[in-house]
């Protein structure tokens, strides 16, 4: 039997040796376990609240024992505080990227818009602060310290944006910066809480109404 010239040039198949996976370092394994635990905690707290979430359940959802949760964070309060820190980092990173080089009232609108994006996003971390805030008002005082810290940070960020916008003439020069930053935060948080309760309200019209109201409150004549 004559061998086809084409077949004669086909090299015999060889079985490729599996490439061994590089072993992760202890630091990498620790970072992964912390991330999975934080993700599970955010998901459960947004769904059930802080009081309705146990460390054992967080460990189970993340695929670890509750002992590892204690080892990584020590207590539920410490875990919630860490979630709060992660939420601040996420908000800061997202808003800085969204604002870019934009300044004035336009930057303020972008920050407000980005905040609403985060609280409506798939990642529950963007909504954890709302649950923590409501429980801090109604429950134990130990949660109020880092809740107050977050609120002051949030208001100070808006206060600086308002000051910058007043300096470039896009916001009224007579605006009371401290009072207005509290009003702006109250507006955004109130809308965000309503959207958590009734996601059907998350329409383009709602978003436009929030931003338009913000503009009317602040815009220079």
Foldseek 3Di string as FASTA:
>chain_A
DDDDPVVVPDDDDDDDDDDDDDDDDPVVVLVLLLVLLLQLVLVCCLVPNLVRDDLQSSQVNSVHGSVVVCVNQVDSLSSLLVLVVVLVVVLVVQLCVQCPPPAALVSLLSSLLSLLCLLPDPRSSSVSLLRLVVCCVVDDVVSVVSNVVSLVVQLVVQLVRLVRNVVVQFWPVPDPSSVVSVVLVVLSSVVSVVCSVPVVPPDPVVSVVSSVVNSVVTGDD
